[in-house]
């Protein structure tokens, strides 16, 4: 019985392995034909039969990447990279591409660096890393320039405000804008003018024999 049970288990394992290989072949053919959705399905089926299969995870990541399903691609490539197998370096490079497409520049840079550590002769990884580092530097320079422009504008505005305040004060001294002050000044001028011309008189009291009155003009 024990021998028979062992034979059954071995046959099941062989069948499962054969099934995974069949799924991988079909997935690879669909991938080459750019039928990425169908290819992803085949690689997923292979992973269901063998969750640790490096080729299946890598293929699933590649298919998901072309479908722009970057989250699924990240998970697949991270799995193969962590397995540290033959596809580790390629997985790290693809992780860099996937992170970049997903908008995560920092992770992309780190993935490319790890890929280069594994293979310093990987020119594509070196090229992509250099591009991202240059983009980062350009963005930093642009941010610094924008900040300098903002600081300069703030300084110019502050200086302009001070100049405007000074001009307003000078204008106030030269041309008083207070209506009451202006009216008092006009009244004083009129008083002086009438005094010079002997035209100014105080209002007469009621009952004055002369009976004449002068309207109060203040």
C-alpha atoms as a PDB file:
ATOM      1  CA  UNK A   1       0.000   0.000   0.000  1.00  0.00           C
ATOM      2  CA  UNK A   2       2.798   2.406   0.930  1.00  0.00           C
ATOM      3  CA  UNK A   3       4.541   1.795  -2.364  1.00  0.00           C
ATOM      4  CA  UNK A   4       1.297   2.313  -4.253  1.00  0.00           C
ATOM      5  CA  UNK A   5       0.611   5.567  -2.376  1.00  0.00           C
ATOM      6  CA  UNK A   6       4.088   6.841  -3.223  1.00  0.00           C
ATOM      7  CA  UNK A   7       3.538   6.026  -6.885  1.00  0.00           C
ATOM      8  CA  UNK A   8       0.224   7.900  -6.870  1.00  0.00           C
ATOM      9  CA  UNK A   9       1.840  10.976  -5.282  1.00  0.00           C
ATOM     10  CA  UNK A  10       4.732  10.920  -7.733  1.00  0.00           C
ATOM     11  CA  UNK A  11       2.334  10.631 -10.655  1.00  0.00           C
ATOM     12  CA  UNK A  12       0.276  13.570  -9.348  1.00  0.00           C
ATOM     13  CA  UNK A  13       3.410  15.681  -8.948  1.00  0.00           C
ATOM     14  CA  UNK A  14       4.593  14.780 -12.431  1.00  0.00           C
ATOM     15  CA  UNK A  15       1.166  15.604 -13.879  1.00  0.00           C
ATOM     16  CA  UNK A  16       1.115  18.964 -12.103  1.00  0.00           C
ATOM     17  CA  UNK A  17       4.600  19.761 -13.338  1.00  0.00           C
ATOM     18  CA  UNK A  18       3.660  18.741 -16.857  1.00  0.00           C
ATOM     19  CA  UNK A  19       0.577  20.952 -16.617  1.00  0.00           C
ATOM     20  CA  UNK A  20       2.669  23.943 -15.531  1.00  0.00           C
ATOM     21  CA  UNK A  21       5.028  23.439 -18.454  1.00  0.00           C
ATOM     22  CA  UNK A  22       2.088  23.294 -20.819  1.00  0.00           C
ATOM     23  CA  UNK A  23       0.664  26.521 -19.384  1.00  0.00           C
ATOM     24  CA  UNK A  24       4.065  28.192 -19.717  1.00  0.00           C
ATOM     25  CA  UNK A  25       4.394  27.151 -23.347  1.00  0.00           C
ATOM     26  CA  UNK A  26       0.927  28.425 -24.168  1.00  0.00           C
ATOM     27  CA  UNK A  27       1.517  31.626 -22.222  1.00  0.00           C
ATOM     28  CA  UNK A  28       4.802  32.203 -24.035  1.00  0.00           C
ATOM     29  CA  UNK A  29       3.193  31.722 -27.445  1.00  0.00           C
ATOM     30  CA  UNK A  30       0.351  34.124 -26.613  1.00  0.00           C
ATOM     31  CA  UNK A  31       2.843  36.645 -25.267  1.00  0.00           C
ATOM     32  CA  UNK A  32       4.876  36.536 -28.484  1.00  0.00           C
ATOM     33  CA  UNK A  33       1.650  37.139 -30.399  1.00  0.00           C
ATOM     34  CA  UNK A  34       1.053  40.171 -28.185  1.00  0.00           C
ATOM     35  CA  UNK A  35      -2.107  38.653 -26.754  1.00  0.00           C
ATOM     36  CA  UNK A  36      -1.120  39.823 -23.310  1.00  0.00           C
ATOM     37  CA  UNK A  37      -4.469  39.314 -21.615  1.00  0.00           C
ATOM     38  CA  UNK A  38      -4.662  35.643 -22.652  1.00  0.00           C
ATOM     39  CA  UNK A  39      -0.996  35.162 -21.832  1.00  0.00           C
ATOM     40  CA  UNK A  40      -1.554  36.548 -18.337  1.00  0.00           C
ATOM     41  CA  UNK A  41      -4.386  34.065 -17.826  1.00  0.00           C
ATOM     42  CA  UNK A  42      -2.119  31.158 -18.755  1.00  0.00           C
ATOM     43  CA  UNK A  43       0.689  32.330 -16.479  1.00  0.00           C
ATOM     44  CA  UNK A  44      -1.824  32.773 -13.671  1.00  0.00           C
ATOM     45  CA  UNK A  45      -3.057  29.215 -14.173  1.00  0.00           C
ATOM     46  CA  UNK A  46       0.513  28.002 -14.003  1.00  0.00           C
ATOM     47  CA  UNK A  47       1.052  29.875 -10.739  1.00  0.00           C
ATOM     48  CA  UNK A  48      -2.055  28.334  -9.274  1.00  0.00           C
ATOM     49  CA  UNK A  49      -0.518  24.930  -9.881  1.00  0.00           C
ATOM     50  CA  UNK A  50       2.965  25.995  -8.789  1.00  0.00           C
ATOM     51  CA  UNK A  51       2.977  29.306  -6.812  1.00  0.00           C
ATOM     52  CA  UNK A  52       6.780  29.339  -6.607  1.00  0.00           C
ATOM     53  CA  UNK A  53       7.399  28.910 -10.326  1.00  0.00           C
ATOM     54  CA  UNK A  54       9.841  31.638 -11.303  1.00  0.00           C
ATOM     55  CA  UNK A  55       9.090  31.543 -15.031  1.00  0.00           C
ATOM     56  CA  UNK A  56       5.348  31.792 -14.471  1.00  0.00           C
ATOM     57  CA  UNK A  57       5.688  34.781 -12.118  1.00  0.00           C
ATOM     58  CA  UNK A  58       8.079  36.538 -14.484  1.00  0.00           C
ATOM     59  CA  UNK A  59       5.789  35.929 -17.461  1.00  0.00           C
ATOM     60  CA  UNK A  60       2.785  37.180 -15.504  1.00  0.00           C
ATOM     61  CA  UNK A  61       4.683  40.339 -14.622  1.00  0.00           C
ATOM     62  CA  UNK A  62       5.672  40.976 -18.219  1.00  0.00           C
ATOM     63  CA  UNK A  63       2.123  40.452 -19.507  1.00  0.00           C
ATOM     64  CA  UNK A  64       0.636  42.662 -16.786  1.00  0.00           C
ATOM     65  CA  UNK A  65       3.195  45.364 -17.595  1.00  0.00           C
ATOM     66  CA  UNK A  66       2.059  45.558 -21.225  1.00  0.00           C
ATOM     67  CA  UNK A  67      -1.537  45.628 -20.045  1.00  0.00           C
ATOM     68  CA  UNK A  68      -0.538  48.650 -17.915  1.00  0.00           C
ATOM     69  CA  UNK A  69      -1.575  46.779 -14.808  1.00  0.00           C
ATOM     70  CA  UNK A  70       1.490  48.036 -12.974  1.00  0.00           C
ATOM     71  CA  UNK A  71       0.373  46.908  -9.537  1.00  0.00           C
ATOM     72  CA  UNK A  72       0.118  43.278 -10.671  1.00  0.00           C
ATOM     73  CA  UNK A  73       3.404  43.605 -12.553  1.00  0.00           C
ATOM     74  CA  UNK A  74       5.137  44.920  -9.433  1.00  0.00           C
ATOM     75  CA  UNK A  75       3.903  41.991  -7.358  1.00  0.00           C
ATOM     76  CA  UNK A  76       5.041  39.466  -9.938  1.00  0.00           C
ATOM     77  CA  UNK A  77       8.503  40.955 -10.466  1.00  0.00           C
ATOM     78  CA  UNK A  78       8.994  41.431  -6.733  1.00  0.00           C
ATOM     79  CA  UNK A  79       8.237  37.754  -6.264  1.00  0.00           C
ATOM     80  CA  UNK A  80      10.837  36.635  -8.789  1.00  0.00           C
ATOM     81  CA  UNK A  81      13.397  39.116  -7.483  1.00  0.00           C
ATOM     82  CA  UNK A  82      12.969  37.835  -3.932  1.00  0.00           C
ATOM     83  CA  UNK A  83      13.431  34.257  -5.086  1.00  0.00           C
ATOM     84  CA  UNK A  84      16.988  35.225  -6.086  1.00  0.00           C
ATOM     85  CA  UNK A  85      16.993  32.802  -8.978  1.00  0.00           C
ATOM     86  CA  UNK A  86      18.244  33.076 -12.527  1.00  0.00           C
ATOM     87  CA  UNK A  87      15.681  35.782 -13.337  1.00  0.00           C
ATOM     88  CA  UNK A  88      16.522  38.009 -10.377  1.00  0.00           C
ATOM     89  CA  UNK A  89      18.531  40.599 -12.305  1.00  0.00           C
ATOM     90  CA  UNK A  90      16.000  40.814 -15.132  1.00  0.00           C
ATOM     91  CA  UNK A  91      13.224  41.105 -12.563  1.00  0.00           C
ATOM     92  CA  UNK A  92      14.981  44.024 -10.866  1.00  0.00           C
ATOM     93  CA  UNK A  93      15.397  45.788 -14.202  1.00  0.00           C
ATOM     94  CA  UNK A  94      11.732  45.235 -15.046  1.00  0.00           C
ATOM     95  CA  UNK A  95      10.781  46.421 -11.565  1.00  0.00           C
ATOM     96  CA  UNK A  96      12.595  49.671 -12.320  1.00  0.00           C
ATOM     97  CA  UNK A  97      10.569  50.087 -15.502  1.00  0.00           C
ATOM     98  CA  UNK A  98       7.335  49.211 -13.708  1.00  0.00           C
ATOM     99  CA  UNK A  99       7.937  51.595 -10.811  1.00  0.00           C
ATOM    100  CA  UNK A 100       8.763  54.367 -13.260  1.00  0.00           C
ATOM    101  CA  UNK A 101       5.587  53.796 -15.276  1.00  0.00           C
ATOM    102  CA  UNK A 102       3.596  53.796 -12.044  1.00  0.00           C
ATOM    103  CA  UNK A 103       5.097  57.189 -11.145  1.00  0.00           C
ATOM    104  CA  UNK A 104       7.356  55.991  -8.323  1.00  0.00           C
ATOM    105  CA  UNK A 105      10.714  57.420  -9.336  1.00  0.00           C
ATOM    106  CA  UNK A 106      12.481  56.727  -6.042  1.00  0.00           C
ATOM    107  CA  UNK A 107      11.686  53.016  -6.155  1.00  0.00           C
ATOM    108  CA  UNK A 108      12.628  52.878  -9.828  1.00  0.00           C
ATOM    109  CA  UNK A 109      16.050  54.332  -9.075  1.00  0.00           C
ATOM    110  CA  UNK A 110      16.621  51.829  -6.289  1.00  0.00           C
ATOM    111  CA  UNK A 111      15.552  48.896  -8.487  1.00  0.00           C
ATOM    112  CA  UNK A 112      17.925  49.958 -11.283  1.00  0.00           C
ATOM    113  CA  UNK A 113      20.754  50.282  -8.778  1.00  0.00           C
ATOM    114  CA  UNK A 114      20.146  46.763  -7.500  1.00  0.00           C
ATOM    115  CA  UNK A 115      20.007  45.476 -11.060  1.00  0.00           C
ATOM    116  CA  UNK A 116      23.385  47.105 -11.784  1.00  0.00           C
ATOM    117  CA  UNK A 117      24.868  45.601  -8.617  1.00  0.00           C
ATOM    118  CA  UNK A 118      23.820  42.182  -9.899  1.00  0.00           C
ATOM    119  CA  UNK A 119      25.157  42.926 -13.379  1.00  0.00           C
ATOM    120  CA  UNK A 120      27.382  46.024 -13.754  1.00  0.00           C
ATOM    121  CA  UNK A 121      27.479  45.436 -17.519  1.00  0.00           C
ATOM    122  CA  UNK A 122      23.738  45.957 -17.920  1.00  0.00           C
ATOM    123  CA  UNK A 123      23.934  49.035 -20.159  1.00  0.00           C
ATOM    124  CA  UNK A 124      20.176  49.491 -20.302  1.00  0.00           C
ATOM    125  CA  UNK A 125      19.902  49.606 -16.510  1.00  0.00           C
ATOM    126  CA  UNK A 126      22.802  52.080 -16.333  1.00  0.00           C
ATOM    127  CA  UNK A 127      21.222  54.221 -19.053  1.00  0.00           C
ATOM    128  CA  UNK A 128      17.811  54.291 -17.365  1.00  0.00           C
ATOM    129  CA  UNK A 129      19.349  55.072 -13.987  1.00  0.00           C
ATOM    130  CA  UNK A 130      21.308  57.979 -15.443  1.00  0.00           C
ATOM    131  CA  UNK A 131      18.174  59.370 -17.079  1.00  0.00           C
ATOM    132  CA  UNK A 132      16.199  59.274 -13.838  1.00  0.00           C
ATOM    133  CA  UNK A 133      19.012  60.832 -11.827  1.00  0.00           C
ATOM    134  CA  UNK A 134      19.290  63.613 -14.407  1.00  0.00           C
ATOM    135  CA  UNK A 135      15.539  64.169 -14.285  1.00  0.00           C
ATOM    136  CA  UNK A 136      15.712  64.406 -10.513  1.00  0.00           C
ATOM    137  CA  UNK A 137      18.530  66.947 -10.723  1.00  0.00           C
ATOM    138  CA  UNK A 138      16.683  69.023 -13.308  1.00  0.00           C
ATOM    139  CA  UNK A 139      13.547  68.999 -11.170  1.00  0.00           C
ATOM    140  CA  UNK A 140      15.521  70.055  -8.112  1.00  0.00           C
ATOM    141  CA  UNK A 141      17.152  72.883 -10.055  1.00  0.00           C
ATOM    142  CA  UNK A 142      13.740  73.999 -11.304  1.00  0.00           C
ATOM    143  CA  UNK A 143      12.315  73.927  -7.793  1.00  0.00           C
ATOM    144  CA  UNK A 144      15.248  75.979  -6.502  1.00  0.00           C
ATOM    145  CA  UNK A 145      14.810  78.498  -9.317  1.00  0.00           C
ATOM    146  CA  UNK A 146      11.087  78.779  -8.625  1.00  0.00           C
ATOM    147  CA  UNK A 147      11.783  79.349  -4.939  1.00  0.00           C
ATOM    148  CA  UNK A 148      14.350  82.033  -5.743  1.00  0.00           C
ATOM    149  CA  UNK A 149      11.859  83.729  -8.054  1.00  0.00           C
ATOM    150  CA  UNK A 150       9.198  83.656  -5.351  1.00  0.00           C
ATOM    151  CA  UNK A 151      11.605  85.081  -2.781  1.00  0.00           C
ATOM    152  CA  UNK A 152      12.665  87.820  -5.197  1.00  0.00           C
ATOM    153  CA  UNK A 153       9.058  88.674  -6.025  1.00  0.00           C
ATOM    154  CA  UNK A 154       8.217  88.843  -2.325  1.00  0.00           C
ATOM    155  CA  UNK A 155      11.199  91.105  -1.700  1.00  0.00           C
ATOM    156  CA  UNK A 156      10.274  93.379  -4.607  1.00  0.00           C
ATOM    157  CA  UNK A 157       6.669  93.546  -3.450  1.00  0.00           C
ATOM    158  CA  UNK A 158       7.726  94.405   0.083  1.00  0.00           C
ATOM    159  CA  UNK A 159      10.030  97.134  -1.198  1.00  0.00           C
ATOM    160  CA  UNK A 160       7.277  98.479  -3.440  1.00  0.00           C
ATOM    161  CA  UNK A 161       4.870  98.551  -0.509  1.00  0.00           C
ATOM    162  CA  UNK A 162       7.360 100.526   1.546  1.00  0.00           C
ATOM    163  CA  UNK A 163       7.872 102.972  -1.301  1.00  0.00           C
ATOM    164  CA  UNK A 164       4.111 103.324  -1.745  1.00  0.00           C
ATOM    165  CA  UNK A 165       3.701 104.057   1.952  1.00  0.00           C
ATOM    166  CA  UNK A 166       6.446 106.684   1.784  1.00  0.00           C
ATOM    167  CA  UNK A 167       4.878 108.289  -1.263  1.00  0.00           C
ATOM    168  CA  UNK A 168       1.496 108.319   0.428  1.00  0.00           C
ATOM    169  CA  UNK A 169       2.972 110.026   3.477  1.00  0.00           C
ATOM    170  CA  UNK A 170       4.689 112.636   1.329  1.00  0.00           C
ATOM    171  CA  UNK A 171       1.503 113.202  -0.608  1.00  0.00           C
ATOM    172  CA  UNK A 172      -0.406 113.596   2.630  1.00  0.00           C
ATOM    173  CA  UNK A 173       2.033 116.248   3.762  1.00  0.00           C
ATOM    174  CA  UNK A 174       1.917 118.072   0.450  1.00  0.00           C
ATOM    175  CA  UNK A 175      -1.784 117.649  -0.260  1.00  0.00           C
ATOM    176  CA  UNK A 176      -3.771 117.014   2.909  1.00  0.00           C
ATOM    177  CA  UNK A 177      -6.704 114.866   2.071  1.00  0.00           C
ATOM    178  CA  UNK A 178      -8.666 115.425   5.305  1.00  0.00           C
ATOM    179  CA  UNK A 179     -11.828 117.333   4.305  1.00  0.00           C
ATOM    180  CA  UNK A 180     -12.059 119.055   7.675  1.00  0.00           C
ATOM    181  CA  UNK A 181      -8.458 120.261   7.466  1.00  0.00           C
ATOM    182  CA  UNK A 182      -9.045 121.561   3.956  1.00  0.00           C
ATOM    183  CA  UNK A 183     -12.231 123.353   5.029  1.00  0.00           C
ATOM    184  CA  UNK A 184     -10.518 125.023   7.996  1.00  0.00           C
ATOM    185  CA  UNK A 185      -7.729 126.208   5.757  1.00  0.00           C
ATOM    186  CA  UNK A 186     -10.233 127.648   3.269  1.00  0.00           C
ATOM    187  CA  UNK A 187     -12.106 129.392   6.050  1.00  0.00           C
ATOM    188  CA  UNK A 188      -8.922 130.924   7.399  1.00  0.00           C
ATOM    189  CA  UNK A 189      -8.037 132.220   3.962  1.00  0.00           C
ATOM    190  CA  UNK A 190     -11.449 133.727   3.523  1.00  0.00           C
ATOM    191  CA  UNK A 191     -11.268 135.396   6.923  1.00  0.00           C
ATOM    192  CA  UNK A 192      -7.903 136.877   6.134  1.00  0.00           C
ATOM    193  CA  UNK A 193      -9.100 138.060   2.731  1.00  0.00           C
ATOM    194  CA  UNK A 194     -12.262 139.664   4.115  1.00  0.00           C
ATOM    195  CA  UNK A 195     -10.316 141.286   6.903  1.00  0.00           C
ATOM    196  CA  UNK A 196      -7.986 142.815   4.385  1.00  0.00           C
ATOM    197  CA  UNK A 197     -10.921 144.097   2.359  1.00  0.00           C
ATOM    198  CA  UNK A 198     -12.914 145.258   5.455  1.00  0.00           C
ATOM    199  CA  UNK A 199     -15.854 143.077   4.368  1.00  0.00           C
ATOM    200  CA  UNK A 200     -16.050 140.834   7.332  1.00  0.00           C
ATOM    201  CA  UNK A 201     -18.628 141.608  10.012  1.00  0.00           C
ATOM    202  CA  UNK A 202     -20.017 139.729  12.943  1.00  0.00           C
ATOM    203  CA  UNK A 203     -23.745 139.010  13.006  1.00  0.00           C
ATOM    204  CA  UNK A 204     -25.696 141.850  14.614  1.00  0.00           C
ATOM    205  CA  UNK A 205     -27.712 141.190  17.706  1.00  0.00           C
ATOM    206  CA  UNK A 206     -31.513 141.073  17.420  1.00  0.00           C
ATOM    207  CA  UNK A 207     -33.096 144.415  18.118  1.00  0.00           C
ATOM    208  CA  UNK A 208     -30.183 146.388  16.857  1.00  0.00           C
ATOM    209  CA  UNK A 209     -31.309 149.745  15.754  1.00  0.00           C
ATOM    210  CA  UNK A 210     -29.723 149.346  12.436  1.00  0.00           C
ATOM    211  CA  UNK A 211     -31.709 146.097  11.855  1.00  0.00           C
ATOM    212  CA  UNK A 212     -29.218 144.641   9.460  1.00  0.00           C
ATOM    213  CA  UNK A 213     -27.894 141.109   9.776  1.00  0.00           C
ATOM    214  CA  UNK A 214     -25.046 139.186   8.287  1.00  0.00           C
ATOM    215  CA  UNK A 215     -25.367 135.423   7.757  1.00  0.00           C
ATOM    216  CA  UNK A 216     -22.978 133.314   9.733  1.00  0.00           C
ATOM    217  CA  UNK A 217     -20.525 131.771   7.335  1.00  0.00           C
ATOM    218  CA  UNK A 218     -18.716 129.387   9.671  1.00  0.00           C
END
